Amino acid sequence: MKEIVKVIEMQKTILSIDPGREKCGVAVVSRAGILIKRVVATINILPEIGKLCDYYPVDLIIMGNGTTSKAAQLQIKAAFPDMPLQICEEYRTTDAAKIRYWQENPPSGWRRLLPTTMQVPPDPVDDYAAVILAERYFIKNS
């Protein structure tokens, strides 16, 4: 029986949300990898969750405990009462997201001469933060 539970846990697909005032990072992630990640305006988060849950076999929604998580948590629970929701610590996920962004999108031209720690990514990194939340969840629950 324990083997069956472990197989189910390994196949788990989660929808990870990095909530913010203006925008949210969302990512659908399984242990096999990232299925999709994107940045969504906060006012559009509920329809986006609905679309992603319809398209992907989402088993769980996780959300960072940052800026607007309390309000987002209430809205998500009300809109998706049958979907489990778990709050996760998001300490320094934005810093990790910036590092991941630069790893996947190295600066070019004269910017490559500057350390990436001294640069601001030209695009929002909220989607990367959502991926990092999911990865931390899988590490913690392995």
N, C-alpha and C. Protein backbone atom coordinates (compact mmCIF):
# COMPACT_ATOMS: atom_id res chain seq x y z
N MET A 1 0.82 -1.20 0.00
CA MET A 1 0.00 0.00 0.00
C MET A 1 0.87 1.27 0.00
N LYS A 2 1.97 1.25 0.77
CA LYS A 2 2.86 2.41 0.81
C LYS A 2 3.45 2.70 -0.57
N GLU A 3 3.72 1.64 -1.33
CA GLU A 3 4.27 1.82 -2.68
C GLU A 3 3.28 2.56 -3.57
N ILE A 4 2.01 2.23 -3.45
CA ILE A 4 0.97 2.89 -4.25
C ILE A 4 0.89 4.37 -3.90
N VAL A 5 0.94 4.68 -2.62
CA VAL A 5 0.90 6.08 -2.18
C VAL A 5 2.11 6.83 -2.72
N LYS A 6 3.29 6.21 -2.69
CA LYS A 6 4.49 6.88 -3.20
C LYS A 6 4.39 7.13 -4.70
N VAL A 7 3.84 6.17 -5.45
CA VAL A 7 3.68 6.35 -6.90
C VAL A 7 2.72 7.50 -7.17
N ILE A 8 1.62 7.56 -6.43
CA ILE A 8 0.65 8.65 -6.60
C ILE A 8 1.31 9.98 -6.28
N GLU A 9 2.07 10.05 -5.18
CA GLU A 9 2.76 11.29 -4.82
C GLU A 9 3.75 11.71 -5.90
N MET A 10 4.45 10.74 -6.49
CA MET A 10 5.43 11.07 -7.52
C MET A 10 4.77 11.60 -8.78
N GLN A 11 3.52 11.20 -9.04
CA GLN A 11 2.83 11.64 -10.24
C GLN A 11 2.05 12.94 -10.01
N LYS A 12 2.09 13.45 -8.81
CA LYS A 12 1.31 14.63 -8.47
C LYS A 12 1.68 15.83 -9.34
N THR A 13 0.65 16.54 -9.79
CA THR A 13 0.82 17.76 -10.57
C THR A 13 0.26 18.90 -9.74
N ILE A 14 1.05 19.95 -9.56
CA ILE A 14 0.58 21.06 -8.74
C ILE A 14 0.55 22.35 -9.54
N LEU A 15 -0.37 23.19 -9.15
CA LEU A 15 -0.46 24.55 -9.68
C LEU A 15 0.11 25.44 -8.60
N SER A 16 1.19 26.11 -8.91
CA SER A 16 1.90 26.95 -7.96
C SER A 16 1.63 28.41 -8.28
N ILE A 17 1.36 29.20 -7.24
CA ILE A 17 1.04 30.62 -7.43
C ILE A 17 1.94 31.46 -6.53
N ASP A 18 2.56 32.45 -7.14
CA ASP A 18 3.31 33.47 -6.40
C ASP A 18 2.46 34.73 -6.46
N PRO A 19 1.65 34.99 -5.41
CA PRO A 19 0.70 36.11 -5.48
C PRO A 19 1.36 37.47 -5.30
N GLY A 20 0.79 38.47 -5.95
CA GLY A 20 1.27 39.84 -5.82
C GLY A 20 0.13 40.82 -6.00
N ARG A 21 0.38 42.08 -5.72
CA ARG A 21 -0.67 43.10 -5.85
C ARG A 21 -1.09 43.32 -7.29
N GLU A 22 -0.12 43.48 -8.18
CA GLU A 22 -0.39 43.79 -9.59
C GLU A 22 -0.41 42.56 -10.48
N LYS A 23 0.50 41.61 -10.18
CA LYS A 23 0.64 40.43 -11.02
C LYS A 23 0.98 39.22 -10.17
N CYS A 24 0.70 38.05 -10.73
CA CYS A 24 0.99 36.79 -10.05
C CYS A 24 1.78 35.90 -10.99
N GLY A 25 2.68 35.14 -10.42
CA GLY A 25 3.34 34.10 -11.19
C GLY A 25 2.55 32.82 -11.00
N VAL A 26 2.30 32.11 -12.08
CA VAL A 26 1.63 30.81 -12.00
C VAL A 26 2.46 29.79 -12.77
N ALA A 27 2.48 28.58 -12.25
CA ALA A 27 3.20 27.50 -12.92
C ALA A 27 2.51 26.18 -12.61
N VAL A 28 2.41 25.34 -13.61
CA VAL A 28 1.94 23.97 -13.41
C VAL A 28 3.19 23.10 -13.51
N VAL A 29 3.44 22.37 -12.43
CA VAL A 29 4.70 21.63 -12.32
C VAL A 29 4.42 20.23 -11.79
N SER A 30 5.12 19.26 -12.36
CA SER A 30 5.10 17.90 -11.82
C SER A 30 6.54 17.55 -11.46
N ARG A 31 6.73 16.38 -10.89
CA ARG A 31 8.10 15.97 -10.57
C ARG A 31 8.93 15.82 -11.85
N ALA A 32 8.26 15.58 -12.96
CA ALA A 32 8.97 15.43 -14.24
C ALA A 32 9.46 16.76 -14.79
N GLY A 33 8.84 17.86 -14.35
CA GLY A 33 9.29 19.17 -14.81
C GLY A 33 8.17 20.18 -14.92
N ILE A 34 8.50 21.30 -15.55
CA ILE A 34 7.57 22.42 -15.70
C ILE A 34 6.68 22.15 -16.91
N LEU A 35 5.37 22.18 -16.69
CA LEU A 35 4.43 22.02 -17.80
C LEU A 35 4.13 23.36 -18.45
N ILE A 36 3.97 24.39 -17.62
CA ILE A 36 3.74 25.75 -18.13
C ILE A 36 4.04 26.73 -17.01
N LYS A 37 4.51 27.91 -17.37
CA LYS A 37 4.70 28.99 -16.40
C LYS A 37 4.39 30.29 -17.11
N ARG A 38 3.80 31.22 -16.37
CA ARG A 38 3.48 32.52 -16.95
C ARG A 38 3.20 33.53 -15.84
N VAL A 39 3.19 34.80 -16.25
CA VAL A 39 2.84 35.90 -15.35
C VAL A 39 1.46 36.38 -15.77
N VAL A 40 0.58 36.54 -14.78
CA VAL A 40 -0.81 36.91 -15.03
C VAL A 40 -1.17 38.12 -14.17
N ALA A 41 -1.96 39.02 -14.71
CA ALA A 41 -2.46 40.14 -13.91
C ALA A 41 -3.29 39.58 -12.76
N THR A 42 -3.14 40.14 -11.58
CA THR A 42 -3.83 39.63 -10.40
C THR A 42 -5.34 39.58 -10.60
N ILE A 43 -5.89 40.55 -11.30
CA ILE A 43 -7.35 40.55 -11.50
C ILE A 43 -7.81 39.38 -12.38
N ASN A 44 -6.89 38.76 -13.11
CA ASN A 44 -7.24 37.64 -13.99
C ASN A 44 -6.84 36.28 -13.42
N ILE A 45 -6.45 36.24 -12.16
CA ILE A 45 -5.91 34.99 -11.62
C ILE A 45 -6.95 33.88 -11.53
N LEU A 46 -8.17 34.19 -11.13
CA LEU A 46 -9.18 33.13 -10.99
C LEU A 46 -9.52 32.48 -12.33
N PRO A 47 -9.80 33.27 -13.39
CA PRO A 47 -10.04 32.62 -14.68
C PRO A 47 -8.83 31.81 -15.17
N GLU A 48 -7.64 32.30 -14.89
CA GLU A 48 -6.43 31.58 -15.31
C GLU A 48 -6.31 30.25 -14.58
N ILE A 49 -6.59 30.25 -13.28
CA ILE A 49 -6.56 29.00 -12.51
C ILE A 49 -7.57 28.02 -13.10
N GLY A 50 -8.77 28.51 -13.41
CA GLY A 50 -9.79 27.65 -14.01
C GLY A 50 -9.33 27.02 -15.31
N LYS A 51 -8.72 27.82 -16.18
CA LYS A 51 -8.23 27.31 -17.47
C LYS A 51 -7.14 26.25 -17.25
N LEU A 52 -6.21 26.56 -16.35
CA LEU A 52 -5.10 25.63 -16.12
C LEU A 52 -5.58 24.33 -15.49
N CYS A 53 -6.54 24.42 -14.57
CA CYS A 53 -7.08 23.21 -13.94
C CYS A 53 -7.90 22.38 -14.93
N ASP A 54 -8.52 23.03 -15.90
CA ASP A 54 -9.25 22.31 -16.93
C ASP A 54 -8.30 21.59 -17.89
N TYR A 55 -7.18 22.22 -18.20
CA TYR A 55 -6.26 21.70 -19.20
C TYR A 55 -5.28 20.67 -18.64
N TYR A 56 -4.81 20.90 -17.42
CA TYR A 56 -3.81 20.03 -16.80
C TYR A 56 -4.45 19.25 -15.65
N PRO A 57 -3.92 18.05 -15.34
CA PRO A 57 -4.47 17.26 -14.24
C PRO A 57 -3.95 17.74 -12.88
N VAL A 58 -4.38 18.92 -12.46
CA VAL A 58 -3.89 19.53 -11.22
C VAL A 58 -4.48 18.80 -10.01
N ASP A 59 -3.60 18.37 -9.10
CA ASP A 59 -4.02 17.68 -7.89
C ASP A 59 -4.06 18.60 -6.68
N LEU A 60 -3.29 19.69 -6.74
CA LEU A 60 -3.12 20.55 -5.58
C LEU A 60 -2.72 21.94 -6.04
N ILE A 61 -3.22 22.96 -5.36
CA ILE A 61 -2.77 24.32 -5.59
C ILE A 61 -1.90 24.71 -4.39
N ILE A 62 -0.71 25.23 -4.68
CA ILE A 62 0.11 25.78 -3.60
C ILE A 62 0.30 27.26 -3.88
N MET A 63 0.45 28.01 -2.81
CA MET A 63 0.57 29.46 -2.95
C MET A 63 1.56 29.98 -1.92
N GLY A 64 2.38 30.93 -2.34
CA GLY A 64 3.32 31.57 -1.44
C GLY A 64 2.59 32.40 -0.40
N ASN A 65 3.23 32.60 0.73
CA ASN A 65 2.60 33.31 1.85
C ASN A 65 2.97 34.79 1.87
N GLY A 66 3.25 35.37 0.72
CA GLY A 66 3.71 36.75 0.64
C GLY A 66 2.62 37.80 0.67
N THR A 67 2.90 38.88 -0.01
CA THR A 67 2.18 40.14 0.01
C THR A 67 0.66 40.03 0.14
N THR A 68 0.01 39.44 -0.82
CA THR A 68 -1.46 39.44 -0.85
C THR A 68 -2.02 38.03 -0.71
N SER A 69 -1.30 37.16 -0.06
CA SER A 69 -1.71 35.76 -0.03
C SER A 69 -3.03 35.52 0.71
N LYS A 70 -3.29 36.28 1.76
CA LYS A 70 -4.54 36.06 2.52
C LYS A 70 -5.76 36.31 1.64
N ALA A 71 -5.78 37.44 0.95
CA ALA A 71 -6.91 37.77 0.08
C ALA A 71 -7.02 36.77 -1.06
N ALA A 72 -5.89 36.42 -1.67
CA ALA A 72 -5.90 35.46 -2.78
C ALA A 72 -6.36 34.09 -2.30
N GLN A 73 -5.93 33.71 -1.12
CA GLN A 73 -6.33 32.42 -0.55
C GLN A 73 -7.84 32.34 -0.40
N LEU A 74 -8.46 33.38 0.13
CA LEU A 74 -9.92 33.39 0.30
C LEU A 74 -10.64 33.31 -1.04
N GLN A 75 -10.16 34.05 -2.03
CA GLN A 75 -10.78 34.03 -3.35
C GLN A 75 -10.66 32.66 -4.01
N ILE A 76 -9.50 32.06 -3.91
CA ILE A 76 -9.28 30.75 -4.54
C ILE A 76 -10.11 29.68 -3.86
N LYS A 77 -10.16 29.70 -2.52
CA LYS A 77 -10.98 28.72 -1.80
C LYS A 77 -12.45 28.85 -2.16
N ALA A 78 -12.92 30.09 -2.32
CA ALA A 78 -14.32 30.31 -2.68
C ALA A 78 -14.61 29.86 -4.11
N ALA A 79 -13.69 30.13 -5.03
CA ALA A 79 -13.91 29.79 -6.44
C ALA A 79 -13.68 28.31 -6.75
N PHE A 80 -12.79 27.67 -6.00
CA PHE A 80 -12.44 26.26 -6.25
C PHE A 80 -12.49 25.47 -4.94
N PRO A 81 -13.69 25.31 -4.37
CA PRO A 81 -13.80 24.69 -3.04
C PRO A 81 -13.35 23.23 -2.99
N ASP A 82 -13.38 22.52 -4.11
CA ASP A 82 -13.00 21.10 -4.10
C ASP A 82 -11.51 20.87 -4.34
N MET A 83 -10.79 21.93 -4.65
CA MET A 83 -9.35 21.80 -4.94
C MET A 83 -8.56 22.07 -3.66
N PRO A 84 -7.71 21.12 -3.25
CA PRO A 84 -6.88 21.37 -2.07
C PRO A 84 -5.94 22.56 -2.29
N LEU A 85 -5.78 23.36 -1.26
CA LEU A 85 -4.92 24.55 -1.32
C LEU A 85 -3.97 24.52 -0.14
N GLN A 86 -2.70 24.71 -0.41
CA GLN A 86 -1.70 24.70 0.65
C GLN A 86 -0.85 25.96 0.54
N ILE A 87 -0.58 26.59 1.68
CA ILE A 87 0.24 27.79 1.73
C ILE A 87 1.69 27.37 2.02
N CYS A 88 2.62 27.95 1.28
CA CYS A 88 4.04 27.61 1.42
C CYS A 88 4.86 28.86 1.74
N GLU A 89 5.93 28.66 2.44
CA GLU A 89 6.87 29.73 2.74
C GLU A 89 7.53 30.19 1.45
N GLU A 90 7.53 31.50 1.21
CA GLU A 90 8.15 31.98 -0.03
C GLU A 90 9.38 32.85 0.23
N TYR A 91 10.03 32.62 1.35
CA TYR A 91 11.22 33.38 1.71
C TYR A 91 12.27 33.30 0.62
N ARG A 92 12.67 34.45 0.09
CA ARG A 92 13.73 34.62 -0.91
C ARG A 92 13.47 33.93 -2.25
N THR A 93 12.21 33.65 -2.55
CA THR A 93 11.92 33.05 -3.86
C THR A 93 12.17 34.04 -4.99
N THR A 94 11.95 35.32 -4.74
CA THR A 94 12.20 36.31 -5.80
C THR A 94 13.69 36.38 -6.11
N ASP A 95 14.53 36.31 -5.09
CA ASP A 95 15.98 36.30 -5.33
C ASP A 95 16.38 35.06 -6.14
N ALA A 96 15.84 33.91 -5.75
CA ALA A 96 16.14 32.68 -6.48
C ALA A 96 15.59 32.75 -7.91
N ALA A 97 14.44 33.40 -8.07
CA ALA A 97 13.83 33.55 -9.40
C ALA A 97 14.71 34.41 -10.31
N LYS A 98 15.29 35.46 -9.77
CA LYS A 98 16.18 36.31 -10.57
C LYS A 98 17.41 35.52 -11.03
N ILE A 99 17.97 34.73 -10.13
CA ILE A 99 19.12 33.90 -10.49
C ILE A 99 18.74 32.93 -11.60
N ARG A 100 17.59 32.27 -11.44
CA ARG A 100 17.12 31.31 -12.46
C ARG A 100 16.87 32.01 -13.79
N TYR A 101 16.29 33.22 -13.72
CA TYR A 101 16.03 33.97 -14.95
C TYR A 101 17.33 34.19 -15.72
N TRP A 102 18.36 34.65 -15.02
CA TRP A 102 19.63 34.94 -15.70
C TRP A 102 20.32 33.67 -16.19
N GLN A 103 20.10 32.54 -15.51
CA GLN A 103 20.66 31.28 -15.99
C GLN A 103 20.01 30.88 -17.32
N GLU A 104 18.71 31.10 -17.44
CA GLU A 104 17.98 30.73 -18.66
C GLU A 104 18.04 31.81 -19.73
N ASN A 105 18.32 33.05 -19.35
CA ASN A 105 18.36 34.17 -20.28
C ASN A 105 19.61 35.01 -20.01
N PRO A 106 20.78 34.48 -20.34
CA PRO A 106 22.01 35.23 -20.02
C PRO A 106 22.05 36.57 -20.75
N PRO A 107 22.57 37.59 -20.07
CA PRO A 107 22.68 38.90 -20.71
C PRO A 107 23.58 38.83 -21.95
N SER A 108 23.30 39.72 -22.88
CA SER A 108 24.12 39.77 -24.09
C SER A 108 24.70 41.17 -24.26
N GLY A 109 25.59 41.30 -25.23
CA GLY A 109 26.21 42.60 -25.48
C GLY A 109 27.04 43.03 -24.29
N TRP A 110 27.07 44.33 -24.06
CA TRP A 110 27.88 44.86 -22.96
C TRP A 110 27.35 44.44 -21.60
N ARG A 111 26.06 44.07 -21.51
CA ARG A 111 25.48 43.66 -20.23
C ARG A 111 26.10 42.36 -19.70
N ARG A 112 26.64 41.55 -20.59
CA ARG A 112 27.26 40.31 -20.13
C ARG A 112 28.52 40.57 -19.30
N LEU A 113 29.05 41.79 -19.41
CA LEU A 113 30.24 42.15 -18.65
C LEU A 113 29.91 42.53 -17.20
N LEU A 114 28.66 42.89 -16.95
CA LEU A 114 28.22 43.23 -15.59
C LEU A 114 27.75 41.98 -14.86
N PRO A 115 28.05 41.86 -13.57
CA PRO A 115 27.51 40.74 -12.81
C PRO A 115 25.97 40.81 -12.82
N THR A 116 25.33 39.67 -12.97
CA THR A 116 23.86 39.66 -13.01
C THR A 116 23.26 40.11 -11.69
N THR A 117 24.01 39.99 -10.61
CA THR A 117 23.51 40.45 -9.31
C THR A 117 23.35 41.96 -9.26
N MET A 118 23.98 42.66 -10.22
CA MET A 118 23.86 44.12 -10.28
C MET A 118 22.84 44.57 -11.33
N GLN A 119 22.16 43.60 -11.95
CA GLN A 119 21.21 43.92 -13.00
C GLN A 119 19.79 43.54 -12.57
N VAL A 120 18.84 44.21 -13.18
CA VAL A 120 17.43 43.89 -12.96
C VAL A 120 16.93 43.19 -14.22
N PRO A 121 16.32 42.01 -14.08
CA PRO A 121 15.80 41.35 -15.28
C PRO A 121 14.81 42.25 -16.02
N PRO A 122 14.85 42.24 -17.36
CA PRO A 122 13.95 43.10 -18.13
C PRO A 122 12.50 42.63 -18.12
N ASP A 123 12.27 41.39 -17.69
CA ASP A 123 10.92 40.83 -17.63
C ASP A 123 10.60 40.47 -16.18
N PRO A 124 9.30 40.42 -15.84
CA PRO A 124 8.93 39.98 -14.49
C PRO A 124 9.40 38.54 -14.25
N VAL A 125 9.75 38.24 -13.01
CA VAL A 125 10.23 36.90 -12.68
C VAL A 125 9.25 36.14 -11.79
N ASP A 126 8.02 36.62 -11.71
CA ASP A 126 7.02 35.98 -10.84
C ASP A 126 6.76 34.53 -11.24
N ASP A 127 6.80 34.24 -12.54
CA ASP A 127 6.59 32.86 -12.99
C ASP A 127 7.73 31.96 -12.53
N TYR A 128 8.93 32.47 -12.53
CA TYR A 128 10.07 31.70 -12.02
C TYR A 128 9.91 31.46 -10.52
N ALA A 129 9.40 32.45 -9.80
CA ALA A 129 9.17 32.30 -8.36
C ALA A 129 8.14 31.20 -8.10
N ALA A 130 7.10 31.14 -8.93
CA ALA A 130 6.08 30.08 -8.79
C ALA A 130 6.71 28.71 -9.02
N VAL A 131 7.59 28.59 -10.00
CA VAL A 131 8.28 27.32 -10.26
C VAL A 131 9.12 26.93 -9.05
N ILE A 132 9.82 27.89 -8.48
CA ILE A 132 10.68 27.61 -7.32
C ILE A 132 9.85 27.18 -6.12
N LEU A 133 8.68 27.79 -5.93
CA LEU A 133 7.77 27.34 -4.86
C LEU A 133 7.40 25.87 -5.07
N ALA A 134 7.08 25.50 -6.30
CA ALA A 134 6.71 24.12 -6.60
C ALA A 134 7.88 23.17 -6.36
N GLU A 135 9.06 23.57 -6.79
CA GLU A 135 10.24 22.72 -6.58
C GLU A 135 10.51 22.52 -5.10
N ARG A 136 10.37 23.58 -4.32
CA ARG A 136 10.56 23.46 -2.87
C ARG A 136 9.52 22.54 -2.25
N TYR A 137 8.29 22.63 -2.75
CA TYR A 137 7.22 21.74 -2.26
C TYR A 137 7.61 20.28 -2.51
N PHE A 138 8.06 19.98 -3.72
CA PHE A 138 8.42 18.60 -4.04
C PHE A 138 9.61 18.12 -3.22
N ILE A 139 10.58 18.99 -2.99
CA ILE A 139 11.73 18.61 -2.16
C ILE A 139 11.29 18.32 -0.73
N LYS A 140 10.45 19.18 -0.20
CA LYS A 140 9.97 19.03 1.19
C LYS A 140 9.10 17.79 1.35
N ASN A 141 8.36 17.44 0.31
CA ASN A 141 7.41 16.33 0.39
C ASN A 141 7.86 15.10 -0.39
N SER A 142 9.16 14.89 -0.46
CA SER A 142 9.65 13.72 -1.21
C SER A 142 9.85 12.53 -0.31
